[in-house]
């Protein structure tokens, strides 16, 4: 009231607006100190400056303390939302918390020393339905080797992703994935599963014991979901989604700068692997074969979809041979049909 402080300075000290400060002065002139008393009703009183300062001090003394913990510790007769709003105003709501267990960060020593492969949870496209997106990524350079989509998580899809990456970029020393059923077979006699195919071409299999071990590829999935998924919600077919995924992967690896790579794109640090197999060796080793029984409808079920088989073979068993994304149905040396996964029969 004496005019020693400017209005804006006094408002900042009281943590109110200049308009509220003018109202305080008018009430003080009319009714004295009694005019500044908070007379609002309601079950929850307003935060006082002393309570706000105490809450801030408690949070700074223990960054791990939540709004509930601060309210109970200070015995504040206020709601949790009121305490949380005070922390937000002071920039303390997302204050970093020290980990209970230290995080051990790792980066592969060289390109192709370690590849990571994972499948993102369901992404719903309004005109196509739910799909699973997948990525294979080099750990050292953050280079995305290939990407794809499938109707459901299964070893068959990981086999096609690995085949595409190996055929284009060569063989890695090791491959890191989760300990899920599509990545690690529980059948000791499974001779046609995805892990067996990886071992046949000389890839060491490494499985993550914790979810955060795959944190780097999971963060890329978050960017994939926001950048690619939201931009292609109007796709109407699996072929259109696959066709749109390839240019996105190319742009992300060849043009998108990374802060962890000193502002350079992943292609600046990645080189194709020197460990390669000839096309004939890959065609011999990267083959997924399984028998299927033809249903009464004249179809077999494979990777969540049904594929047509000639009617004379209803009730019989046929062999499925998957090379890359090409599926062949055979009986002996007779080829019954050829398909591309998620597509119509080949002419």
Protein backbone atom coordinates (compact mmCIF):
# COMPACT_ATOMS: atom_id res chain seq x y z
CA UNK A 1 0.00 0.00 0.00
CA UNK A 2 2.94 2.31 0.59
CA UNK A 3 3.97 2.12 -3.08
CA UNK A 4 7.44 0.68 -2.50
CA UNK A 5 6.91 -2.06 -5.13
CA UNK A 6 5.64 -1.81 -8.67
CA UNK A 7 2.31 -3.51 -9.37
CA UNK A 8 3.82 -6.26 -11.50
CA UNK A 9 6.54 -6.98 -8.94
CA UNK A 10 4.02 -7.16 -6.09
CA UNK A 11 1.76 -9.43 -8.17
CA UNK A 12 4.70 -11.76 -8.84
CA UNK A 13 5.57 -11.88 -5.14
CA UNK A 14 1.98 -12.82 -4.24
CA UNK A 15 1.72 -15.21 -7.22
CA UNK A 16 -1.41 -13.46 -8.54
CA UNK A 17 -2.31 -11.38 -11.57
CA UNK A 18 -2.19 -7.57 -11.65
CA UNK A 19 -5.99 -7.53 -11.85
CA UNK A 20 -6.26 -9.60 -8.67
CA UNK A 21 -3.77 -7.26 -6.97
CA UNK A 22 -6.00 -4.26 -7.80
CA UNK A 23 -8.95 -6.11 -6.26
CA UNK A 24 -6.93 -6.79 -3.10
CA UNK A 25 -6.06 -3.09 -2.78
CA UNK A 26 -9.70 -2.06 -3.22
CA UNK A 27 -10.86 -4.50 -0.55
CA UNK A 28 -8.13 -3.32 1.84
CA UNK A 29 -9.20 0.32 1.45
CA UNK A 30 -12.85 -0.57 2.06
CA UNK A 31 -12.63 -3.11 4.93
CA UNK A 32 -9.02 -3.20 6.06
CA UNK A 33 -7.23 -6.49 6.76
CA UNK A 34 -10.58 -8.29 7.11
CA UNK A 35 -11.25 -7.60 3.42
CA UNK A 36 -8.32 -9.80 2.39
CA UNK A 37 -9.71 -12.91 4.09
CA UNK A 38 -10.62 -15.76 1.72
CA UNK A 39 -14.39 -16.16 2.11
CA UNK A 40 -15.01 -18.64 -0.70
CA UNK A 41 -17.12 -21.68 0.10
CA UNK A 42 -16.59 -25.31 -0.90
CA UNK A 43 -15.13 -28.40 0.77
CA UNK A 44 -11.53 -27.59 -0.21
CA UNK A 45 -9.80 -24.36 0.87
CA UNK A 46 -7.31 -22.57 -1.35
CA UNK A 47 -3.55 -23.12 -1.24
CA UNK A 48 -1.81 -20.55 0.91
CA UNK A 49 1.64 -19.25 0.04
CA UNK A 50 3.09 -21.10 3.03
CA UNK A 51 1.53 -24.39 1.97
CA UNK A 52 2.70 -23.94 -1.63
CA UNK A 53 6.27 -23.21 -0.51
CA UNK A 54 6.24 -26.23 1.80
CA UNK A 55 5.00 -28.49 -1.02
CA UNK A 56 7.73 -27.24 -3.35
CA UNK A 57 10.43 -27.75 -0.72
CA UNK A 58 9.18 -31.29 -0.02
CA UNK A 59 9.27 -32.16 -3.71
CA UNK A 60 12.78 -30.78 -4.19
CA UNK A 61 14.05 -32.65 -1.15
CA UNK A 62 12.67 -35.92 -2.57
CA UNK A 63 12.12 -35.89 -6.36
CA UNK A 64 10.52 -39.35 -6.17
CA UNK A 65 7.66 -38.08 -3.99
CA UNK A 66 4.25 -37.96 -5.65
CA UNK A 67 1.49 -35.41 -5.08
CA UNK A 68 -0.24 -37.84 -2.72
CA UNK A 69 2.97 -38.38 -0.75
CA UNK A 70 3.53 -34.62 -0.42
CA UNK A 71 -0.05 -34.01 0.70
CA UNK A 72 0.10 -36.74 3.34
CA UNK A 73 3.56 -35.74 4.53
CA UNK A 74 2.57 -32.08 5.01
CA UNK A 75 -0.98 -32.97 6.16
CA UNK A 76 -2.53 -30.55 3.69
CA UNK A 77 -6.36 -30.30 3.65
CA UNK A 78 -6.29 -30.08 -0.16
CA UNK A 79 -7.00 -32.27 -3.15
CA UNK A 80 -4.31 -34.14 -5.07
CA UNK A 81 -5.05 -32.05 -8.15
CA UNK A 82 -4.34 -28.85 -6.22
CA UNK A 83 -0.94 -30.18 -5.11
CA UNK A 84 -0.18 -31.37 -8.64
CA UNK A 85 -1.02 -27.95 -10.12
CA UNK A 86 1.42 -26.28 -7.73
CA UNK A 87 4.16 -28.69 -8.83
CA UNK A 88 3.35 -27.99 -12.48
CA UNK A 89 3.58 -24.22 -11.99
CA UNK A 90 7.05 -24.62 -10.52
CA UNK A 91 8.23 -27.10 -13.18
CA UNK A 92 8.52 -30.01 -10.75
CA UNK A 93 5.79 -32.36 -12.00
CA UNK A 94 8.16 -34.29 -14.28
CA UNK A 95 11.30 -33.96 -12.21
CA UNK A 96 13.66 -36.84 -12.98
CA UNK A 97 13.80 -39.65 -10.48
CA UNK A 98 17.00 -41.57 -9.79
CA UNK A 99 16.64 -45.24 -10.85
CA UNK A 100 16.61 -47.84 -8.12
CA UNK A 101 18.74 -50.10 -10.33
CA UNK A 102 21.36 -48.40 -12.52
CA UNK A 103 20.61 -48.65 -16.24
CA UNK A 104 23.39 -50.22 -18.25
CA UNK A 105 23.40 -48.70 -21.72
CA UNK A 106 24.96 -50.54 -24.61
CA UNK A 107 25.82 -49.91 -28.24
CA UNK A 108 27.13 -52.55 -30.60
CA UNK A 109 30.81 -52.11 -31.44
CA UNK A 110 30.36 -52.12 -35.22
CA UNK A 111 27.67 -52.26 -37.91
CA UNK A 112 26.05 -55.70 -38.23
CA UNK A 113 27.46 -56.82 -34.87
CA UNK A 114 23.91 -56.82 -33.48
CA UNK A 115 20.52 -56.50 -35.16
CA UNK A 116 17.31 -55.90 -33.25
CA UNK A 117 13.95 -57.17 -34.42
CA UNK A 118 10.55 -56.55 -32.84
CA UNK A 119 6.83 -56.34 -33.57
CA UNK A 120 4.71 -53.38 -32.55
CA UNK A 121 1.33 -53.95 -30.95
CA UNK A 122 -1.87 -53.60 -32.94
CA UNK A 123 -2.30 -50.44 -35.00
CA UNK A 124 -5.87 -49.93 -36.18
CA UNK A 125 -6.41 -48.59 -39.68
CA UNK A 126 -10.08 -47.57 -40.18
CA UNK A 127 -10.39 -49.01 -43.71
CA UNK A 128 -8.07 -52.01 -43.30
CA UNK A 129 -8.44 -53.18 -39.72
CA UNK A 130 -5.87 -54.06 -37.09
CA UNK A 131 -2.31 -54.77 -38.25
CA UNK A 132 1.00 -55.46 -36.54
CA UNK A 133 4.01 -53.45 -37.70
CA UNK A 134 7.56 -54.81 -37.48
CA UNK A 135 11.09 -53.45 -37.83
CA UNK A 136 14.60 -54.86 -38.09
CA UNK A 137 17.28 -52.39 -37.00
CA UNK A 138 21.07 -52.27 -36.74
CA UNK A 139 22.05 -51.41 -33.17
CA UNK A 140 25.31 -49.57 -33.91
CA UNK A 141 24.07 -47.16 -36.60
CA UNK A 142 20.29 -47.10 -35.88
CA UNK A 143 19.86 -48.10 -39.53
CA UNK A 144 16.41 -49.59 -40.26
CA UNK A 145 17.05 -52.67 -42.38
CA UNK A 146 13.47 -53.49 -43.30
CA UNK A 147 9.90 -53.15 -42.10
CA UNK A 148 6.60 -54.86 -42.69
CA UNK A 149 3.10 -55.59 -41.44
CA UNK A 150 1.08 -58.70 -40.65
CA UNK A 151 -2.33 -59.78 -39.43
CA UNK A 152 -1.03 -61.45 -36.28
CA UNK A 153 2.25 -62.09 -34.49
CA UNK A 154 3.77 -65.39 -35.59
CA UNK A 155 7.20 -66.86 -36.47
CA UNK A 156 6.24 -66.83 -40.16
CA UNK A 157 6.20 -63.03 -40.28
CA UNK A 158 9.56 -62.74 -38.51
CA UNK A 159 10.94 -65.24 -41.00
CA UNK A 160 9.91 -63.01 -43.93
CA UNK A 161 11.37 -59.89 -42.23
CA UNK A 162 14.68 -61.64 -41.53
CA UNK A 163 14.82 -63.04 -45.08
CA UNK A 164 14.33 -59.60 -46.62
CA UNK A 165 17.04 -58.05 -44.41
CA UNK A 166 19.55 -60.86 -44.99
CA UNK A 167 19.04 -60.91 -48.74
CA UNK A 168 19.68 -57.17 -49.04
CA UNK A 169 22.22 -56.35 -46.31
CA UNK A 170 24.04 -59.61 -45.54
CA UNK A 171 24.34 -61.56 -42.27
CA UNK A 172 24.72 -60.08 -38.77
CA UNK A 173 26.78 -61.60 -35.99
CA UNK A 174 23.85 -61.70 -33.57
CA UNK A 175 20.19 -60.82 -33.39
CA UNK A 176 18.36 -59.43 -30.33
CA UNK A 177 14.64 -59.96 -29.74
CA UNK A 178 12.13 -60.52 -26.97
CA UNK A 179 11.52 -63.89 -25.36
CA UNK A 180 8.07 -64.20 -26.93
CA UNK A 181 6.66 -67.31 -28.57
CA UNK A 182 7.07 -65.96 -32.10
CA UNK A 183 10.78 -65.30 -31.44
CA UNK A 184 11.72 -68.33 -29.34
CA UNK A 185 10.30 -71.76 -30.02
CA UNK A 186 9.24 -73.81 -27.00
CA UNK A 187 9.34 -77.04 -29.02
CA UNK A 188 12.80 -78.64 -28.82
CA UNK A 189 12.05 -80.64 -31.98
CA UNK A 190 10.88 -77.63 -34.00
CA UNK A 191 12.98 -78.04 -37.13
CA UNK A 192 11.08 -75.51 -39.25
CA UNK A 193 10.73 -72.61 -36.85
CA UNK A 194 12.24 -69.14 -37.05
CA UNK A 195 15.14 -69.68 -34.55
CA UNK A 196 16.22 -72.77 -36.46
CA UNK A 197 16.39 -70.79 -39.71
CA UNK A 198 18.53 -68.13 -38.01
CA UNK A 199 21.00 -70.72 -36.78
CA UNK A 200 21.24 -72.31 -40.22
CA UNK A 201 22.66 -69.09 -41.67
CA UNK A 202 25.04 -68.49 -38.74
CA UNK A 203 23.18 -65.85 -36.69
CA UNK A 204 23.61 -65.99 -32.91
CA UNK A 205 20.31 -65.54 -31.08
CA UNK A 206 20.19 -63.16 -28.10
CA UNK A 207 17.02 -62.70 -26.03
CA UNK A 208 16.21 -59.69 -23.87
CA UNK A 209 15.50 -60.47 -20.22
CA UNK A 210 13.88 -57.08 -19.58
CA UNK A 211 11.62 -54.90 -21.68
CA UNK A 212 13.95 -51.89 -21.39
CA UNK A 213 16.73 -53.86 -23.11
CA UNK A 214 14.81 -53.23 -26.33
CA UNK A 215 14.15 -49.59 -25.44
CA UNK A 216 15.93 -48.21 -28.52
CA UNK A 217 13.78 -50.04 -31.04
CA UNK A 218 10.66 -49.41 -28.96
CA UNK A 219 11.31 -45.65 -29.13
CA UNK A 220 11.55 -46.01 -32.90
CA UNK A 221 8.20 -47.77 -32.85
CA UNK A 222 6.68 -44.78 -31.08
CA UNK A 223 7.95 -42.50 -33.85
CA UNK A 224 6.74 -45.00 -36.47
CA UNK A 225 3.27 -45.02 -34.96
CA UNK A 226 2.99 -41.23 -34.88
CA UNK A 227 4.77 -40.34 -38.10
CA UNK A 228 3.87 -43.23 -40.39
CA UNK A 229 0.71 -44.65 -38.83
CA UNK A 230 -1.23 -41.39 -38.54
CA UNK A 231 -0.27 -40.39 -42.09
CA UNK A 232 -1.59 -43.62 -43.63
CA UNK A 233 -4.90 -44.18 -41.86
CA UNK A 234 -6.65 -44.16 -45.25
CA UNK A 235 -4.94 -47.28 -46.66
CA UNK A 236 -7.42 -49.88 -47.92
CA UNK A 237 -5.24 -52.96 -48.52
CA UNK A 238 -2.22 -54.77 -47.10
CA UNK A 239 -0.36 -54.26 -50.38
CA UNK A 240 -0.87 -50.49 -50.17
CA UNK A 241 0.36 -50.46 -46.57
CA UNK A 242 3.48 -52.46 -47.49
CA UNK A 243 4.12 -50.21 -50.46
CA UNK A 244 3.89 -47.11 -48.28
CA UNK A 245 6.19 -48.56 -45.61
CA UNK A 246 9.19 -48.98 -47.92
CA UNK A 247 9.56 -45.25 -48.85
CA UNK A 248 9.13 -44.27 -45.20
CA UNK A 249 11.96 -46.62 -44.16
CA UNK A 250 14.19 -45.26 -46.93
CA UNK A 251 13.56 -41.64 -45.90
CA UNK A 252 14.07 -42.40 -42.20
CA UNK A 253 17.43 -44.10 -42.71
CA UNK A 254 18.87 -41.97 -45.51
CA UNK A 255 17.58 -38.48 -44.64
CA UNK A 256 16.50 -38.30 -40.99
CA UNK A 257 19.32 -36.89 -38.82
CA UNK A 258 19.91 -38.42 -35.36
CA UNK A 259 21.08 -36.49 -32.34
CA UNK A 260 22.92 -39.59 -31.05
CA UNK A 261 24.86 -39.73 -34.33
CA UNK A 262 26.09 -36.11 -34.13
CA UNK A 263 23.36 -34.89 -36.45
CA UNK A 264 24.07 -37.42 -39.20
CA UNK A 265 21.57 -39.91 -40.68
CA UNK A 266 22.02 -43.64 -39.93
CA UNK A 267 23.31 -44.33 -43.45
CA UNK A 268 26.45 -42.33 -42.60
CA UNK A 269 27.56 -45.02 -40.13
CA UNK A 270 26.16 -48.18 -41.70
CA UNK A 271 27.85 -50.46 -44.21
CA UNK A 272 26.43 -53.73 -45.55
CA UNK A 273 27.73 -56.88 -43.94
CA UNK A 274 30.71 -58.68 -45.46
CA UNK A 275 29.25 -61.99 -44.30
CA UNK A 276 27.08 -63.05 -47.19
CA UNK A 277 25.69 -66.21 -48.69
CA UNK A 278 25.16 -66.82 -52.36
CA UNK A 279 21.56 -66.71 -53.65
CA UNK A 280 21.66 -70.49 -54.03
CA UNK A 281 22.77 -70.97 -50.40
CA UNK A 282 20.10 -68.58 -49.14
CA UNK A 283 17.44 -70.35 -51.19
CA UNK A 284 18.54 -73.65 -49.63
CA UNK A 285 18.85 -72.50 -46.01
CA UNK A 286 16.17 -69.82 -45.67
CA UNK A 287 13.22 -72.08 -46.44
CA UNK A 288 10.32 -72.54 -44.04
CA UNK A 289 8.53 -75.86 -44.60
CA UNK A 290 5.50 -77.19 -42.75
CA UNK A 291 2.72 -79.67 -43.54
CA UNK A 292 -0.91 -78.56 -43.59
CA UNK A 293 -4.14 -80.52 -43.84
CA UNK A 294 -6.62 -79.32 -46.44
CA UNK A 295 -9.97 -78.46 -44.84
CA UNK A 296 -13.37 -79.36 -46.23
CA UNK A 297 -13.61 -75.88 -47.64
CA UNK A 298 -10.65 -76.61 -49.94
CA UNK A 299 -8.29 -74.25 -48.08
CA UNK A 300 -5.36 -74.38 -45.66
CA UNK A 301 -4.70 -71.97 -42.82
CA UNK A 302 -1.31 -70.27 -42.87
CA UNK A 303 -0.15 -67.25 -40.88
CA UNK A 304 -3.72 -66.28 -39.98
CA UNK A 305 -5.07 -66.45 -43.55
CA UNK A 306 -6.70 -69.11 -45.71
CA UNK A 307 -5.23 -70.17 -49.04
CA UNK A 308 -7.05 -72.10 -51.74
CA UNK A 309 -6.08 -75.68 -52.67
CA UNK A 310 -7.61 -77.69 -55.58
CA UNK A 311 -10.65 -79.71 -54.47
CA UNK A 312 -9.16 -83.18 -55.24
CA UNK A 313 -6.76 -82.63 -52.32
CA UNK A 314 -9.45 -82.01 -49.68
CA UNK A 315 -8.66 -84.07 -46.59
CA UNK A 316 -5.06 -84.69 -47.66
CA UNK A 317 -1.85 -83.15 -46.37
CA UNK A 318 0.15 -80.71 -48.47
CA UNK A 319 3.57 -79.19 -47.84
CA UNK A 320 4.03 -75.43 -47.55
CA UNK A 321 7.36 -73.93 -48.64
CA UNK A 322 8.02 -70.29 -47.76
CA UNK A 323 10.95 -68.47 -49.41
CA UNK A 324 10.96 -64.80 -48.49
CA UNK A 325 7.31 -63.83 -48.90
CA UNK A 326 6.58 -66.44 -51.59
CA UNK A 327 4.44 -69.36 -50.42
CA UNK A 328 4.31 -72.56 -52.51
CA UNK A 329 1.89 -75.46 -51.89
CA UNK A 330 3.23 -78.83 -53.01
CA UNK A 331 2.42 -82.53 -52.97
CA UNK A 332 5.58 -84.44 -53.76
CA UNK A 333 7.10 -82.65 -56.73
CA UNK A 334 3.77 -81.28 -57.93
CA UNK A 335 3.16 -77.58 -57.33
CA UNK A 336 -0.49 -76.94 -56.54
CA UNK A 337 -0.47 -73.16 -56.11
CA UNK A 338 1.82 -70.20 -55.48
CA UNK A 339 0.96 -67.23 -53.33
CA UNK A 340 2.53 -64.08 -52.01
CA UNK A 341 1.67 -63.64 -48.33
CA UNK A 342 -1.35 -61.32 -47.87
CA UNK A 343 -2.09 -61.35 -51.60
CA UNK A 344 -4.02 -63.20 -54.26
CA UNK A 345 -2.67 -66.30 -56.08
CA UNK A 346 0.03 -65.80 -58.67
CA UNK A 347 -1.16 -66.19 -62.28
